[in-house]
């Protein structure tokens, strides 16, 4: 465990009228106390989980390989300021780490390819293969298996996006094995019930204020997928269910 807690400093909010400071969960949550080296943030789109994840990255001085900003019709001057209003308590001082977002991973693979052209030894850190020679899902798993052996704080935003169910299970094993070495800590925003089943993981729900820990079998994801598989005919018409 590297991070013990994340505190939201309401008195430092520059506004309560603009995103993300207008979110009820950020106005009513005081702290998130972390009790596991693997923590999941869950909630509907727009709940604020990815925004808080980026704020943790910024506060921890973890670089985000983001695309260049685009011009906005109505720019929000407060959108990237949440890190200025949170406090992180470390167990034994700040550690290095990385931020993974499925939308920006392609950009990272291109940059890695350029670096490896000048220093081919870099590829050894990613399984000995150029990530661009693998499928998107394969390159993700190769990245996870090599990067997360290193001591650090790892923030992942919806890593399941390009992963098959089998590859998601591979990631579950990577998370479990890395956490067992007591070198890595993970905070992950996800919609995947497969990832949420990671043994020993803690789940925090952003669907109601304040943010709160929730057991796996009480999550909407677990119950929705269970009900869907048990009662597909309630969700789809007979013609949609006919494999022909």
Protein backbone atom coordinates (compact mmCIF):
# COMPACT_ATOMS: atom_id res chain seq x y z
CA UNK A 1 0.00 0.00 0.00
CA UNK A 2 1.37 3.37 -1.02
CA UNK A 3 -1.70 5.60 -0.63
CA UNK A 4 -3.66 5.38 2.62
CA UNK A 5 -6.38 7.94 1.94
CA UNK A 6 -7.66 10.61 -0.43
CA UNK A 7 -9.30 13.64 1.16
CA UNK A 8 -11.46 16.17 -0.63
CA UNK A 9 -10.82 19.69 0.66
CA UNK A 10 -14.16 21.41 0.17
CA UNK A 11 -12.87 24.76 1.39
CA UNK A 12 -10.49 24.80 -1.58
CA UNK A 13 -13.20 24.30 -4.21
CA UNK A 14 -13.00 27.36 -6.49
CA UNK A 15 -16.69 27.01 -7.42
CA UNK A 16 -19.72 24.82 -6.80
CA UNK A 17 -21.44 25.69 -10.06
CA UNK A 18 -19.15 24.10 -12.64
CA UNK A 19 -17.95 20.56 -13.32
CA UNK A 20 -16.48 18.73 -11.52
CA UNK A 21 -17.08 20.76 -8.36
CA UNK A 22 -20.84 20.76 -8.93
CA UNK A 23 -21.02 16.96 -8.59
CA UNK A 24 -22.98 15.94 -5.49
CA UNK A 25 -20.58 13.09 -4.74
CA UNK A 26 -17.64 15.49 -4.58
CA UNK A 27 -19.58 17.93 -2.42
CA UNK A 28 -20.71 15.27 0.07
CA UNK A 29 -17.63 13.03 0.20
CA UNK A 30 -14.94 13.93 2.70
CA UNK A 31 -12.47 11.06 2.34
CA UNK A 32 -11.79 7.72 0.70
CA UNK A 33 -9.86 5.42 3.05
CA UNK A 34 -8.04 2.71 1.11
CA UNK A 35 -7.79 -0.73 2.68
CA UNK A 36 -6.57 -2.85 -0.25
CA UNK A 37 -3.74 -2.60 -2.79
CA UNK A 38 -6.42 -2.99 -5.47
CA UNK A 39 -9.22 -0.42 -5.43
CA UNK A 40 -12.01 -0.08 -7.98
CA UNK A 41 -14.08 3.04 -8.70
CA UNK A 42 -17.48 2.22 -10.23
CA UNK A 43 -20.45 4.28 -11.33
CA UNK A 44 -22.41 5.47 -14.33
CA UNK A 45 -20.78 7.61 -17.01
CA UNK A 46 -20.40 11.16 -15.77
CA UNK A 47 -20.34 10.13 -12.10
CA UNK A 48 -16.86 11.57 -11.63
CA UNK A 49 -14.74 8.45 -11.16
CA UNK A 50 -12.41 9.14 -14.10
CA UNK A 51 -12.14 12.79 -13.13
CA UNK A 52 -11.04 11.87 -9.61
CA UNK A 53 -8.62 9.29 -11.02
CA UNK A 54 -6.94 11.99 -13.15
CA UNK A 55 -6.83 14.31 -10.14
CA UNK A 56 -5.00 11.60 -8.17
CA UNK A 57 -2.53 11.26 -11.04
CA UNK A 58 -1.91 15.01 -11.18
CA UNK A 59 -1.54 15.25 -7.40
CA UNK A 60 0.92 12.33 -7.47
CA UNK A 61 2.98 13.91 -10.29
CA UNK A 62 2.15 11.03 -12.62
CA UNK A 63 2.27 12.05 -16.26
CA UNK A 64 -0.79 11.43 -18.44
CA UNK A 65 0.07 10.72 -22.09
CA UNK A 66 -2.84 12.74 -23.36
CA UNK A 67 -3.54 14.05 -26.84
CA UNK A 68 -3.04 17.78 -27.48
CA UNK A 69 -6.02 19.81 -26.21
CA UNK A 70 -8.67 20.89 -28.71
CA UNK A 71 -10.45 24.21 -28.82
CA UNK A 72 -13.82 24.22 -27.04
CA UNK A 73 -16.94 26.23 -27.81
CA UNK A 74 -17.47 26.89 -24.11
CA UNK A 75 -14.26 26.07 -22.22
CA UNK A 76 -14.57 25.16 -18.55
CA UNK A 77 -11.75 26.84 -16.59
CA UNK A 78 -12.33 24.53 -13.60
CA UNK A 79 -12.33 21.18 -15.39
CA UNK A 80 -8.70 20.27 -14.63
CA UNK A 81 -8.41 21.81 -11.16
CA UNK A 82 -9.69 19.05 -8.88
CA UNK A 83 -6.14 17.97 -7.95
CA UNK A 84 -5.69 21.34 -6.26
CA UNK A 85 -8.52 20.50 -3.85
CA UNK A 86 -7.52 17.01 -2.75
CA UNK A 87 -4.93 15.72 -0.30
CA UNK A 88 -3.22 12.33 -0.53
CA UNK A 89 -1.81 10.54 2.52
CA UNK A 90 1.13 8.28 1.68
CA UNK A 91 2.26 5.29 3.71
CA UNK A 92 5.97 5.88 3.25
CA UNK A 93 6.35 8.83 0.91
CA UNK A 94 5.33 9.37 -2.69
CA UNK A 95 6.25 6.66 -5.20
CA UNK A 96 6.45 6.81 -9.01
CA UNK A 97 3.75 5.28 -11.14
CA UNK A 98 1.77 5.50 -14.34
CA UNK A 99 -1.67 6.38 -15.66
CA UNK A 100 -3.36 4.12 -18.20
CA UNK A 101 -6.29 5.24 -20.33
CA UNK A 102 -7.49 3.11 -23.23
CA UNK A 103 -8.09 6.22 -25.34
CA UNK A 104 -4.47 7.35 -25.07
CA UNK A 105 -2.69 3.97 -25.18
CA UNK A 106 -2.29 4.10 -28.97
CA UNK A 107 -0.43 7.38 -28.65
CA UNK A 108 1.91 5.77 -26.11
CA UNK A 109 2.64 2.82 -28.43
CA UNK A 110 3.59 5.22 -31.24
CA UNK A 111 5.92 7.13 -28.94
CA UNK A 112 7.44 3.89 -27.64
CA UNK A 113 8.09 2.79 -31.21
CA UNK A 114 9.94 6.03 -31.94
CA UNK A 115 12.03 5.72 -28.76
CA UNK A 116 12.84 2.07 -29.49
CA UNK A 117 14.07 3.01 -32.95
CA UNK A 118 16.84 4.95 -31.20
CA UNK A 119 17.22 2.53 -28.27
CA UNK A 120 16.01 -1.01 -29.20
CA UNK A 121 16.65 -2.22 -25.66
CA UNK A 122 13.50 -0.43 -24.52
CA UNK A 123 11.41 -3.17 -26.10
CA UNK A 124 12.81 -5.63 -23.56
CA UNK A 125 10.75 -3.88 -20.91
CA UNK A 126 7.57 -4.78 -22.79
CA UNK A 127 8.02 -8.48 -23.41
CA UNK A 128 10.65 -8.19 -26.15
CA UNK A 129 8.13 -7.36 -28.88
CA UNK A 130 7.06 -4.12 -30.47
CA UNK A 131 3.58 -3.37 -29.15
CA UNK A 132 2.60 -2.23 -32.64
CA UNK A 133 3.10 -5.76 -34.01
CA UNK A 134 0.41 -7.10 -31.66
CA UNK A 135 -3.33 -6.67 -31.68
CA UNK A 136 -4.64 -3.88 -29.48
CA UNK A 137 -5.77 -6.34 -26.80
CA UNK A 138 -2.52 -8.32 -26.94
CA UNK A 139 -0.42 -5.16 -26.65
CA UNK A 140 -2.42 -4.11 -23.59
CA UNK A 141 -1.85 -7.43 -21.82
CA UNK A 142 1.87 -7.34 -22.71
CA UNK A 143 2.10 -3.83 -21.27
CA UNK A 144 0.28 -4.81 -18.08
CA UNK A 145 2.37 -7.95 -17.49
CA UNK A 146 5.69 -6.09 -17.73
CA UNK A 147 4.95 -2.63 -16.36
CA UNK A 148 3.20 -3.72 -13.17
CA UNK A 149 6.13 -5.76 -11.89
CA UNK A 150 7.76 -2.46 -10.96
CA UNK A 151 7.13 -0.81 -7.59
CA UNK A 152 4.66 2.04 -7.96
CA UNK A 153 1.17 3.49 -8.01
CA UNK A 154 -0.87 2.48 -11.06
CA UNK A 155 -4.01 4.28 -12.13
CA UNK A 156 -6.17 2.66 -14.83
CA UNK A 157 -9.20 4.20 -16.53
CA UNK A 158 -11.52 1.53 -17.99
CA UNK A 159 -8.76 -0.88 -19.08
CA UNK A 160 -11.39 -3.42 -20.17
CA UNK A 161 -12.42 -1.32 -23.20
CA UNK A 162 -10.30 -3.26 -25.73
CA UNK A 163 -10.00 -6.54 -23.81
CA UNK A 164 -11.91 -9.75 -24.49
CA UNK A 165 -13.39 -11.53 -21.46
CA UNK A 166 -10.43 -13.95 -21.49
CA UNK A 167 -7.96 -11.05 -21.63
CA UNK A 168 -9.79 -9.40 -18.74
CA UNK A 169 -9.16 -12.57 -16.73
CA UNK A 170 -5.48 -12.27 -17.69
CA UNK A 171 -5.52 -8.76 -16.26
CA UNK A 172 -7.17 -10.04 -13.06
CA UNK A 173 -4.25 -12.45 -12.65
CA UNK A 174 -1.74 -9.67 -13.31
CA UNK A 175 -3.38 -7.46 -10.66
CA UNK A 176 -3.56 -10.28 -8.10
CA UNK A 177 0.05 -11.39 -8.64
CA UNK A 178 1.44 -7.83 -8.64
CA UNK A 179 -0.42 -6.91 -5.47
CA UNK A 180 0.85 -10.07 -3.75
CA UNK A 181 4.42 -8.85 -4.21
CA UNK A 182 3.50 -5.79 -2.09
CA UNK A 183 5.21 -3.46 -4.56
CA UNK A 184 2.29 -2.15 -6.61
CA UNK A 185 -0.96 -0.42 -5.73
CA UNK A 186 -3.81 -0.07 -8.21
CA UNK A 187 -6.75 2.34 -8.42
CA UNK A 188 -9.00 1.43 -11.34
CA UNK A 189 -12.14 2.98 -12.81
CA UNK A 190 -14.14 0.24 -14.50
CA UNK A 191 -17.52 -1.08 -15.69
CA UNK A 192 -16.32 -4.70 -15.87
CA UNK A 193 -17.84 -7.28 -13.50
CA UNK A 194 -14.93 -9.58 -14.40
CA UNK A 195 -12.31 -7.12 -13.16
CA UNK A 196 -14.40 -6.33 -10.09
CA UNK A 197 -14.15 -10.00 -9.09
CA UNK A 198 -10.39 -9.63 -8.46
CA UNK A 199 -9.70 -11.40 -5.12
CA UNK A 200 -9.11 -9.03 -2.23
CA UNK A 201 -10.11 -5.91 -4.16
CA UNK A 202 -12.10 -3.07 -2.61
CA UNK A 203 -14.92 -1.43 -4.58
CA UNK A 204 -16.08 2.18 -4.15
CA UNK A 205 -19.39 3.23 -5.70
CA UNK A 206 -19.88 6.70 -7.22
CA UNK A 207 -23.60 6.14 -7.88
CA UNK A 208 -24.78 7.87 -4.70
CA UNK A 209 -23.36 10.52 -2.40
CA UNK A 210 -21.16 10.15 -0.51
CA UNK A 211 -18.82 7.75 -2.31
CA UNK A 212 -18.95 4.49 -0.37
CA UNK A 213 -17.44 0.98 -0.36
CA UNK A 214 -19.76 -1.73 -1.65
CA UNK A 215 -19.56 -5.57 -1.71
CA UNK A 216 -19.08 -7.16 -5.13
CA UNK A 217 -22.43 -8.94 -5.18
CA UNK A 218 -24.26 -5.71 -4.38
CA UNK A 219 -22.88 -3.84 -7.38
CA UNK A 220 -25.23 -3.00 -10.23
CA UNK A 221 -22.81 -4.63 -12.67
CA UNK A 222 -22.87 -8.01 -10.97
CA UNK A 223 -26.65 -8.02 -10.59
CA UNK A 224 -27.36 -6.75 -14.11
CA UNK A 225 -25.15 -9.36 -15.80
CA UNK A 226 -26.48 -12.14 -13.55
CA UNK A 227 -30.10 -11.19 -14.30
CA UNK A 228 -29.40 -10.81 -18.00
CA UNK A 229 -27.81 -14.25 -18.34
CA UNK A 230 -30.60 -15.89 -16.31
CA UNK A 231 -33.45 -14.05 -18.05
CA UNK A 232 -32.33 -13.12 -21.56
CA UNK A 233 -35.88 -13.49 -22.87
CA UNK A 234 -36.92 -10.55 -20.67
CA UNK A 235 -34.39 -8.29 -22.38
CA UNK A 236 -34.53 -9.53 -26.00
CA UNK A 237 -37.35 -10.59 -28.29
CA UNK A 238 -37.53 -14.24 -29.49
CA UNK A 239 -36.33 -13.20 -32.96
CA UNK A 240 -33.25 -11.54 -31.44
CA UNK A 241 -32.50 -14.67 -29.42
CA UNK A 242 -32.78 -17.00 -32.44
CA UNK A 243 -29.18 -17.82 -33.49
CA UNK A 244 -30.33 -18.24 -37.09
